[in-house]
C-alpha atoms as a PDB file:
ATOM      1  CA  UNK A   1       0.110  -0.002   0.088  1.00  0.00           C
ATOM      2  CA  UNK A   2       1.146   3.581  -1.013  1.00  0.00           C
ATOM      3  CA  UNK A   3       0.500   5.647   2.239  1.00  0.00           C
ATOM      4  CA  UNK A   4       0.783   9.404   2.946  1.00  0.00           C
ATOM      5  CA  UNK A   5       1.300  10.670   6.275  1.00  0.00           C
ATOM      6  CA  UNK A   6       0.981  14.409   7.533  1.00  0.00           C
ATOM      7  CA  UNK A   7       2.531  14.220  11.127  1.00  0.00           C
ATOM      8  CA  UNK A   8       1.606  17.823  11.753  1.00  0.00           C
ATOM      9  CA  UNK A   9       5.229  18.682  13.176  1.00  0.00           C
ATOM     10  CA  UNK A  10       3.964  17.020  16.163  1.00  0.00           C
ATOM     11  CA  UNK A  11       4.480  13.910  18.358  1.00  0.00           C
ATOM     12  CA  UNK A  12       4.247  11.236  15.411  1.00  0.00           C
ATOM     13  CA  UNK A  13       6.788  12.801  13.219  1.00  0.00           C
ATOM     14  CA  UNK A  14       9.345  10.171  14.016  1.00  0.00           C
ATOM     15  CA  UNK A  15       7.029   6.991  14.844  1.00  0.00           C
ATOM     16  CA  UNK A  16       4.549   7.077  12.241  1.00  0.00           C
ATOM     17  CA  UNK A  17       6.768   6.540   9.027  1.00  0.00           C
ATOM     18  CA  UNK A  18       8.754   3.698  10.944  1.00  0.00           C
ATOM     19  CA  UNK A  19       5.392   1.867  11.845  1.00  0.00           C
ATOM     20  CA  UNK A  20       3.870   2.261   8.604  1.00  0.00           C
ATOM     21  CA  UNK A  21       7.114   0.873   6.709  1.00  0.00           C
ATOM     22  CA  UNK A  22       7.454  -1.716   9.307  1.00  0.00           C
ATOM     23  CA  UNK A  23       3.912  -3.124   8.458  1.00  0.00           C
ATOM     24  CA  UNK A  24       4.934  -3.156   4.602  1.00  0.00           C
ATOM     25  CA  UNK A  25       3.644   0.190   3.501  1.00  0.00           C
ATOM     26  CA  UNK A  26       5.427   2.537   0.985  1.00  0.00           C
ATOM     27  CA  UNK A  27       5.472   5.844   2.921  1.00  0.00           C
ATOM     28  CA  UNK A  28       5.296   9.396   1.816  1.00  0.00           C
ATOM     29  CA  UNK A  29       5.744  11.816   4.753  1.00  0.00           C
ATOM     30  CA  UNK A  30       5.095  15.762   5.151  1.00  0.00           C
ATOM     31  CA  UNK A  31       4.776  17.638   8.417  1.00  0.00           C
ATOM     32  CA  UNK A  32       7.726  15.562   9.699  1.00  0.00           C
ATOM     33  CA  UNK A  33      10.341  18.754  10.625  1.00  0.00           C
ATOM     34  CA  UNK A  34       9.455  19.958  14.060  1.00  0.00           C
ATOM     35  CA  UNK A  35      11.393  22.987  15.159  1.00  0.00           C
ATOM     36  CA  UNK A  36       9.652  23.664  18.469  1.00  0.00           C
ATOM     37  CA  UNK A  37       7.394  26.352  17.187  1.00  0.00           C
ATOM     38  CA  UNK A  38       5.742  25.171  13.960  1.00  0.00           C
ATOM     39  CA  UNK A  39       3.488  22.385  15.612  1.00  0.00           C
ATOM     40  CA  UNK A  40       0.047  22.175  13.634  1.00  0.00           C
ATOM     41  CA  UNK A  41       1.482  25.310  11.885  1.00  0.00           C
ATOM     42  CA  UNK A  42      -0.291  24.995   8.236  1.00  0.00           C
ATOM     43  CA  UNK A  43       0.024  21.023   8.774  1.00  0.00           C
ATOM     44  CA  UNK A  44      -1.845  18.328  10.218  1.00  0.00           C
ATOM     45  CA  UNK A  45      -5.569  17.167  10.532  1.00  0.00           C
ATOM     46  CA  UNK A  46      -6.719  21.033  10.872  1.00  0.00           C
ATOM     47  CA  UNK A  47      -5.252  21.702   7.231  1.00  0.00           C
ATOM     48  CA  UNK A  48      -6.311  18.588   5.634  1.00  0.00           C
ATOM     49  CA  UNK A  49      -5.811  20.216   2.165  1.00  0.00           C
ATOM     50  CA  UNK A  50      -2.148  19.519   2.352  1.00  0.00           C
ATOM     51  CA  UNK A  51      -2.665  15.785   2.811  1.00  0.00           C
ATOM     52  CA  UNK A  52      -5.136  15.701   0.079  1.00  0.00           C
ATOM     53  CA  UNK A  53      -2.650  17.398  -2.311  1.00  0.00           C
ATOM     54  CA  UNK A  54       0.015  14.797  -1.112  1.00  0.00           C
ATOM     55  CA  UNK A  55      -2.273  11.804  -1.952  1.00  0.00           C
ATOM     56  CA  UNK A  56      -3.474  13.167  -5.446  1.00  0.00           C
ATOM     57  CA  UNK A  57      -0.113  14.198  -6.527  1.00  0.00           C
ATOM     58  CA  UNK A  58       1.714  11.025  -5.609  1.00  0.00           C
ATOM     59  CA  UNK A  59      -1.328   8.770  -6.638  1.00  0.00           C
ATOM     60  CA  UNK A  60      -1.223   7.322  -3.012  1.00  0.00           C
ATOM     61  CA  UNK A  61      -3.821   4.646  -1.870  1.00  0.00           C
ATOM     62  CA  UNK A  62      -4.700   6.556   1.365  1.00  0.00           C
ATOM     63  CA  UNK A  63      -3.456   9.394   3.504  1.00  0.00           C
ATOM     64  CA  UNK A  64      -3.587  10.132   7.199  1.00  0.00           C
ATOM     65  CA  UNK A  65      -3.464  13.439   8.870  1.00  0.00           C
ATOM     66  CA  UNK A  66      -2.524  13.564  12.686  1.00  0.00           C
ATOM     67  CA  UNK A  67      -2.906  16.566  14.916  1.00  0.00           C
ATOM     68  CA  UNK A  68       0.152  17.749  17.160  1.00  0.00           C
ATOM     69  CA  UNK A  69      -0.375  15.568  20.082  1.00  0.00           C
ATOM     70  CA  UNK A  70      -1.783  12.679  17.803  1.00  0.00           C
ATOM     71  CA  UNK A  71      -5.208  11.862  19.432  1.00  0.00           C
ATOM     72  CA  UNK A  72      -6.863  12.607  16.302  1.00  0.00           C
ATOM     73  CA  UNK A  73      -6.758  10.991  12.716  1.00  0.00           C
ATOM     74  CA  UNK A  74      -8.485  12.496   9.477  1.00  0.00           C
ATOM     75  CA  UNK A  75      -7.923  10.172   6.549  1.00  0.00           C
ATOM     76  CA  UNK A  76      -7.953  10.999   2.639  1.00  0.00           C
ATOM     77  CA  UNK A  77      -8.999   8.259   0.261  1.00  0.00           C
ATOM     78  CA  UNK A  78      -7.386   7.605  -3.037  1.00  0.00           C
ATOM     79  CA  UNK A  79      -9.655  10.008  -4.698  1.00  0.00           C
ATOM     80  CA  UNK A  80      -8.919  12.875  -2.520  1.00  0.00           C
ATOM     81  CA  UNK A  81     -12.108  12.662  -0.534  1.00  0.00           C
ATOM     82  CA  UNK A  82     -11.582  13.488   3.167  1.00  0.00           C
ATOM     83  CA  UNK A  83     -12.714  10.760   5.481  1.00  0.00           C
ATOM     84  CA  UNK A  84     -13.484  12.379   8.806  1.00  0.00           C
ATOM     85  CA  UNK A  85     -14.203  10.886  12.078  1.00  0.00           C
ATOM     86  CA  UNK A  86     -17.925  10.064  11.397  1.00  0.00           C
ATOM     87  CA  UNK A  87     -16.858   7.988   8.027  1.00  0.00           C
ATOM     88  CA  UNK A  88     -14.225   6.214  10.100  1.00  0.00           C
ATOM     89  CA  UNK A  89     -16.884   5.298  12.683  1.00  0.00           C
ATOM     90  CA  UNK A  90     -19.100   3.869   9.977  1.00  0.00           C
ATOM     91  CA  UNK A  91     -16.259   1.994   7.998  1.00  0.00           C
ATOM     92  CA  UNK A  92     -15.096   0.385  11.332  1.00  0.00           C
ATOM     93  CA  UNK A  93     -18.280   0.008  12.731  1.00  0.00           C
ATOM     94  CA  UNK A  94     -19.567  -2.117   9.724  1.00  0.00           C
ATOM     95  CA  UNK A  95     -16.354  -4.089   9.815  1.00  0.00           C
ATOM     96  CA  UNK A  96     -16.805  -5.102  13.375  1.00  0.00           C
ATOM     97  CA  UNK A  97     -20.392  -5.708  12.835  1.00  0.00           C
ATOM     98  CA  UNK A  98     -19.807  -8.037   9.836  1.00  0.00           C
ATOM     99  CA  UNK A  99     -17.656 -10.145  12.082  1.00  0.00           C
ATOM    100  CA  UNK A 100     -19.837 -10.109  14.946  1.00  0.00           C
ATOM    101  CA  UNK A 101     -17.226  -8.103  16.871  1.00  0.00           C
ATOM    102  CA  UNK A 102     -19.349  -4.903  17.419  1.00  0.00           C
ATOM    103  CA  UNK A 103     -20.248  -5.100  21.348  1.00  0.00           C
ATOM    104  CA  UNK A 104     -24.058  -4.425  21.818  1.00  0.00           C
ATOM    105  CA  UNK A 105     -24.308  -3.646  18.201  1.00  0.00           C
ATOM    106  CA  UNK A 106     -23.647   0.069  19.019  1.00  0.00           C
ATOM    107  CA  UNK A 107     -21.341   2.861  18.115  1.00  0.00           C
ATOM    108  CA  UNK A 108     -20.930   5.783  20.426  1.00  0.00           C
ATOM    109  CA  UNK A 109     -20.961   9.424  18.698  1.00  0.00           C
ATOM    110  CA  UNK A 110     -21.549  12.879  19.794  1.00  0.00           C
ATOM    111  CA  UNK A 111     -24.439  15.265  19.119  1.00  0.00           C
ATOM    112  CA  UNK A 112     -22.320  16.759  16.211  1.00  0.00           C
ATOM    113  CA  UNK A 113     -22.056  13.713  14.146  1.00  0.00           C
ATOM    114  CA  UNK A 114     -23.571  14.099  10.662  1.00  0.00           C
ATOM    115  CA  UNK A 115     -27.125  13.212  10.100  1.00  0.00           C
ATOM    116  CA  UNK A 116     -25.986  11.007   7.250  1.00  0.00           C
ATOM    117  CA  UNK A 117     -24.213   8.915   9.560  1.00  0.00           C
ATOM    118  CA  UNK A 118     -27.135   8.008  11.324  1.00  0.00           C
ATOM    119  CA  UNK A 119     -29.109   7.155   8.253  1.00  0.00           C
ATOM    120  CA  UNK A 120     -26.187   4.988   7.349  1.00  0.00           C
ATOM    121  CA  UNK A 121     -26.268   3.359  10.531  1.00  0.00           C
ATOM    122  CA  UNK A 122     -29.898   2.674  10.258  1.00  0.00           C
ATOM    123  CA  UNK A 123     -29.650   0.963   6.820  1.00  0.00           C
ATOM    124  CA  UNK A 124     -27.444  -1.647   7.976  1.00  0.00           C
ATOM    125  CA  UNK A 125     -28.816  -2.364  11.405  1.00  0.00           C
ATOM    126  CA  UNK A 126     -26.218  -0.606  13.765  1.00  0.00           C
ATOM    127  CA  UNK A 127     -27.570   1.173  16.880  1.00  0.00           C
ATOM    128  CA  UNK A 128     -25.973   4.298  18.006  1.00  0.00           C
ATOM    129  CA  UNK A 129     -25.633   6.481  21.347  1.00  0.00           C
ATOM    130  CA  UNK A 130     -25.128  10.367  21.251  1.00  0.00           C
ATOM    131  CA  UNK A 131     -23.190  12.105  23.972  1.00  0.00           C
ATOM    132  CA  UNK A 132     -22.332  15.686  24.564  1.00  0.00           C
ATOM    133  CA  UNK A 133     -19.316  17.049  22.508  1.00  0.00           C
ATOM    134  CA  UNK A 134     -15.921  15.717  24.055  1.00  0.00           C
ATOM    135  CA  UNK A 135     -14.226  12.368  23.870  1.00  0.00           C
ATOM    136  CA  UNK A 136     -14.322  12.253  27.690  1.00  0.00           C
ATOM    137  CA  UNK A 137     -17.902  11.942  27.291  1.00  0.00           C
ATOM    138  CA  UNK A 138     -17.795   9.407  24.564  1.00  0.00           C
ATOM    139  CA  UNK A 139     -15.468   7.116  26.537  1.00  0.00           C
ATOM    140  CA  UNK A 140     -17.712   7.508  29.762  1.00  0.00           C
ATOM    141  CA  UNK A 141     -20.577   6.216  27.887  1.00  0.00           C
ATOM    142  CA  UNK A 142     -18.662   3.379  26.332  1.00  0.00           C
ATOM    143  CA  UNK A 143     -17.123   2.213  29.591  1.00  0.00           C
ATOM    144  CA  UNK A 144     -20.572   2.442  31.536  1.00  0.00           C
ATOM    145  CA  UNK A 145     -22.277   0.354  28.735  1.00  0.00           C
ATOM    146  CA  UNK A 146     -19.421  -1.970  27.558  1.00  0.00           C
ATOM    147  CA  UNK A 147     -19.266  -0.412  23.991  1.00  0.00           C
ATOM    148  CA  UNK A 148     -16.116  -1.071  22.127  1.00  0.00           C
ATOM    149  CA  UNK A 149     -16.206   1.842  19.336  1.00  0.00           C
ATOM    150  CA  UNK A 150     -16.911   5.324  19.607  1.00  0.00           C
ATOM    151  CA  UNK A 151     -15.642   8.751  18.597  1.00  0.00           C
ATOM    152  CA  UNK A 152     -16.129  12.256  17.236  1.00  0.00           C
ATOM    153  CA  UNK A 153     -16.453  13.811  13.900  1.00  0.00           C
ATOM    154  CA  UNK A 154     -13.123  15.552  14.475  1.00  0.00           C
ATOM    155  CA  UNK A 155     -11.303  12.265  14.365  1.00  0.00           C
ATOM    156  CA  UNK A 156     -11.073  11.527  18.237  1.00  0.00           C
ATOM    157  CA  UNK A 157     -11.675   7.633  17.816  1.00  0.00           C
ATOM    158  CA  UNK A 158     -11.747   5.327  20.722  1.00  0.00           C
ATOM    159  CA  UNK A 159     -11.394   1.753  20.449  1.00  0.00           C
ATOM    160  CA  UNK A 160     -11.664   0.754  24.032  1.00  0.00           C
ATOM    161  CA  UNK A 161     -10.404  -2.694  23.955  1.00  0.00           C
ATOM    162  CA  UNK A 162      -7.113  -1.031  23.472  1.00  0.00           C
ATOM    163  CA  UNK A 163      -7.106   2.656  24.810  1.00  0.00           C
ATOM    164  CA  UNK A 164      -9.155   4.805  26.914  1.00  0.00           C
ATOM    165  CA  UNK A 165      -8.679   7.992  24.727  1.00  0.00           C
ATOM    166  CA  UNK A 166      -8.299   8.782  20.963  1.00  0.00           C
ATOM    167  CA  UNK A 167      -5.053   7.434  19.568  1.00  0.00           C
ATOM    168  CA  UNK A 168      -4.551   8.919  15.927  1.00  0.00           C
ATOM    169  CA  UNK A 169      -1.831   6.014  14.989  1.00  0.00           C
ATOM    170  CA  UNK A 170      -4.135   3.229  16.288  1.00  0.00           C
ATOM    171  CA  UNK A 171      -7.036   4.794  14.281  1.00  0.00           C
ATOM    172  CA  UNK A 172      -4.863   4.892  11.083  1.00  0.00           C
ATOM    173  CA  UNK A 173      -3.582   1.299  11.622  1.00  0.00           C
ATOM    174  CA  UNK A 174      -7.487   0.037  12.556  1.00  0.00           C
ATOM    175  CA  UNK A 175      -8.709   1.625   9.346  1.00  0.00           C
ATOM    176  CA  UNK A 176      -5.802   0.126   7.314  1.00  0.00           C
ATOM    177  CA  UNK A 177      -6.992  -3.254   8.930  1.00  0.00           C
ATOM    178  CA  UNK A 178     -10.436  -2.758   7.704  1.00  0.00           C
ATOM    179  CA  UNK A 179      -9.370  -1.813   4.060  1.00  0.00           C
ATOM    180  CA  UNK A 180      -6.950  -4.654   3.480  1.00  0.00           C
ATOM    181  CA  UNK A 181      -9.277  -7.285   5.186  1.00  0.00           C
ATOM    182  CA  UNK A 182     -12.057  -6.258   2.728  1.00  0.00           C
ATOM    183  CA  UNK A 183      -9.695  -5.919  -0.141  1.00  0.00           C
ATOM    184  CA  UNK A 184     -11.497  -2.555  -0.860  1.00  0.00           C
ATOM    185  CA  UNK A 185     -10.225   0.967  -1.522  1.00  0.00           C
ATOM    186  CA  UNK A 186     -11.350   3.617   1.225  1.00  0.00           C
ATOM    187  CA  UNK A 187     -13.704   5.435  -1.418  1.00  0.00           C
ATOM    188  CA  UNK A 188     -15.942   2.209  -1.628  1.00  0.00           C
ATOM    189  CA  UNK A 189     -15.935   1.550   2.143  1.00  0.00           C
ATOM    190  CA  UNK A 190     -17.062   5.232   2.722  1.00  0.00           C
ATOM    191  CA  UNK A 191     -19.519   5.491  -0.185  1.00  0.00           C
ATOM    192  CA  UNK A 192     -22.742   4.567   1.464  1.00  0.00           C
ATOM    193  CA  UNK A 193     -22.437   7.464   3.805  1.00  0.00           C
ATOM    194  CA  UNK A 194     -23.979  10.570   2.086  1.00  0.00           C
ATOM    195  CA  UNK A 195     -23.059  13.559   4.349  1.00  0.00           C
ATOM    196  CA  UNK A 196     -25.747  15.958   4.643  1.00  0.00           C
ATOM    197  CA  UNK A 197     -24.999  19.926   4.254  1.00  0.00           C
ATOM    198  CA  UNK A 198     -24.806  21.479   7.588  1.00  0.00           C
ATOM    199  CA  UNK A 199     -25.137  25.030   8.565  1.00  0.00           C
ATOM    200  CA  UNK A 200     -24.187  26.348  11.984  1.00  0.00           C
ATOM    201  CA  UNK A 201     -24.883  29.903  13.422  1.00  0.00           C
ATOM    202  CA  UNK A 202     -24.006  31.375  16.589  1.00  0.00           C
ATOM    203  CA  UNK A 203     -26.125  33.865  18.266  1.00  0.00           C
ATOM    204  CA  UNK A 204     -25.227  36.184  21.308  1.00  0.00           C
ATOM    205  CA  UNK A 205     -27.569  35.870  24.028  1.00  0.00           C
ATOM    206  CA  UNK A 206     -28.280  37.485  27.705  1.00  0.00           C
ATOM    207  CA  UNK A 207     -29.156  34.111  29.151  1.00  0.00           C
ATOM    208  CA  UNK A 208     -28.202  30.658  27.385  1.00  0.00           C
ATOM    209  CA  UNK A 209     -30.518  28.637  29.690  1.00  0.00           C
ATOM    210  CA  UNK A 210     -33.664  30.923  29.168  1.00  0.00           C
ATOM    211  CA  UNK A 211     -33.087  30.600  25.620  1.00  0.00           C
ATOM    212  CA  UNK A 212     -33.145  26.700  25.758  1.00  0.00           C
ATOM    213  CA  UNK A 213     -36.281  26.819  27.939  1.00  0.00           C
ATOM    214  CA  UNK A 214     -38.144  29.471  26.134  1.00  0.00           C
ATOM    215  CA  UNK A 215     -41.432  28.003  24.893  1.00  0.00           C
ATOM    216  CA  UNK A 216     -41.692  30.073  21.602  1.00  0.00           C
ATOM    217  CA  UNK A 217     -38.061  28.969  20.649  1.00  0.00           C
ATOM    218  CA  UNK A 218     -38.582  25.317  21.393  1.00  0.00           C
ATOM    219  CA  UNK A 219     -41.742  25.543  19.191  1.00  0.00           C
ATOM    220  CA  UNK A 220     -39.817  27.209  16.502  1.00  0.00           C
ATOM    221  CA  UNK A 221     -37.142  24.432  16.726  1.00  0.00           C
ATOM    222  CA  UNK A 222     -40.119  21.867  16.531  1.00  0.00           C
ATOM    223  CA  UNK A 223     -41.327  23.607  13.534  1.00  0.00           C
ATOM    224  CA  UNK A 224     -38.170  23.744  11.976  1.00  0.00           C
ATOM    225  CA  UNK A 225     -37.623  20.054  12.254  1.00  0.00           C
ATOM    226  CA  UNK A 226     -41.007  19.450  10.933  1.00  0.00           C
ATOM    227  CA  UNK A 227     -40.063  21.492   7.863  1.00  0.00           C
ATOM    228  CA  UNK A 228     -37.513  18.832   7.276  1.00  0.00           C
ATOM    229  CA  UNK A 229     -39.969  16.060   7.466  1.00  0.00           C
ATOM    230  CA  UNK A 230     -37.657  13.540   9.159  1.00  0.00           C
ATOM    231  CA  UNK A 231     -35.064  14.069   6.571  1.00  0.00           C
ATOM    232  CA  UNK A 232     -32.711  16.308   8.624  1.00  0.00           C
ATOM    233  CA  UNK A 233     -32.262  17.558  12.189  1.00  0.00           C
ATOM    234  CA  UNK A 234     -31.992  20.521  14.446  1.00  0.00           C
ATOM    235  CA  UNK A 235     -29.713  20.767  17.144  1.00  0.00           C
ATOM    236  CA  UNK A 236     -29.655  23.843  19.803  1.00  0.00           C
ATOM    237  CA  UNK A 237     -26.520  23.894  22.014  1.00  0.00           C
ATOM    238  CA  UNK A 238     -25.347  26.591  24.527  1.00  0.00           C
ATOM    239  CA  UNK A 239     -21.625  27.305  24.341  1.00  0.00           C
ATOM    240  CA  UNK A 240     -19.590  26.266  27.474  1.00  0.00           C
ATOM    241  CA  UNK A 241     -17.426  29.310  27.310  1.00  0.00           C
ATOM    242  CA  UNK A 242     -19.200  32.136  25.402  1.00  0.00           C
ATOM    243  CA  UNK A 243     -22.653  34.049  25.924  1.00  0.00           C
ATOM    244  CA  UNK A 244     -23.795  32.086  22.717  1.00  0.00           C
ATOM    245  CA  UNK A 245     -26.312  29.605  21.754  1.00  0.00           C
ATOM    246  CA  UNK A 246     -25.489  27.470  18.757  1.00  0.00           C
ATOM    247  CA  UNK A 247     -28.377  26.911  16.038  1.00  0.00           C
ATOM    248  CA  UNK A 248     -27.488  23.880  13.762  1.00  0.00           C
ATOM    249  CA  UNK A 249     -29.313  22.342  10.966  1.00  0.00           C
ATOM    250  CA  UNK A 250     -28.714  19.401   8.740  1.00  0.00           C
ATOM    251  CA  UNK A 251     -30.818  18.664   5.865  1.00  0.00           C
ATOM    252  CA  UNK A 252     -30.473  17.494   1.927  1.00  0.00           C
ATOM    253  CA  UNK A 253     -29.762  21.063   0.685  1.00  0.00           C
ATOM    254  CA  UNK A 254     -28.032  24.276   1.826  1.00  0.00           C
ATOM    255  CA  UNK A 255     -31.281  26.332   1.401  1.00  0.00           C
ATOM    256  CA  UNK A 256     -33.147  23.996   3.736  1.00  0.00           C
ATOM    257  CA  UNK A 257     -30.514  24.182   6.380  1.00  0.00           C
ATOM    258  CA  UNK A 258     -30.496  28.173   6.103  1.00  0.00           C
ATOM    259  CA  UNK A 259     -34.444  28.356   6.339  1.00  0.00           C
ATOM    260  CA  UNK A 260     -34.439  26.169   9.243  1.00  0.00           C
ATOM    261  CA  UNK A 261     -31.672  27.971  11.165  1.00  0.00           C
ATOM    262  CA  UNK A 262     -33.257  31.408  10.477  1.00  0.00           C
ATOM    263  CA  UNK A 263     -36.647  30.303  11.528  1.00  0.00           C
ATOM    264  CA  UNK A 264     -35.110  29.580  15.206  1.00  0.00           C
ATOM    265  CA  UNK A 265     -33.145  32.434  15.091  1.00  0.00           C
ATOM    266  CA  UNK A 266     -35.974  34.811  14.407  1.00  0.00           C
ATOM    267  CA  UNK A 267     -38.005  33.273  17.429  1.00  0.00           C
ATOM    268  CA  UNK A 268     -34.926  34.040  19.627  1.00  0.00           C
ATOM    269  CA  UNK A 269     -34.763  37.747  18.319  1.00  0.00           C
ATOM    270  CA  UNK A 270     -38.569  37.981  18.752  1.00  0.00           C
ATOM    271  CA  UNK A 271     -38.554  36.834  22.179  1.00  0.00           C
ATOM    272  CA  UNK A 272     -35.943  39.681  23.206  1.00  0.00           C
ATOM    273  CA  UNK A 273     -33.299  37.191  24.133  1.00  0.00           C
ATOM    274  CA  UNK A 274     -30.668  38.005  21.466  1.00  0.00           C
ATOM    275  CA  UNK A 275     -27.925  40.766  22.514  1.00  0.00           C
END
């Protein structure tokens, strides 16, 4: 396998290439020249365009980008498509289910996972749980209920048989395992998941809890969800650090997302809750 790695000038800069070469891959590396100041600086999983270019320019089979401390991993398939945490959860979750290895037939996600992931899970009969954003909440749910696979869209993937936190190198190796065992390119394994357009708007408010408890706002959210007719979803979340409520919609089109989000934001403003 021809593998590209973007090490983010971080903690995998020395190990990743050696590990993949030991496993028999032909490796092309970038982001492996740390100087103490350039960690995550235009490289790594938060700048995935670099890995995408590396894969396409060198006609690689797959690419993996880590973040600085390597608890995250985002992949790129042979066609240059970005394979984020949601798609990794689908690919490896299905791989485990097909081999009767998926404990409780359940994958743990966060509320920010894409609606398209859940639709894909429904089609193949995989159950899922949703936690608050944060891999610590994912792991708490996994530990409490005995689940083996969970993670976040951002690329924090937890394989609880091996680790209690996200591990980017482990994620990359497990994804390669699924590819090689099924003798399929990553593009084919990810194809069943149709990622829905997503729109997220932040609105500054005086009292976040008051917004989330306001009857008119909740009714507007219900109406917005009804507008999507079961083919999308609405999410209202308060920021943990700012005087902000986040209004998110996922739907088959950008226009449907915009209408749903604006409908809720209008209600927040009409109730005098916006700053």
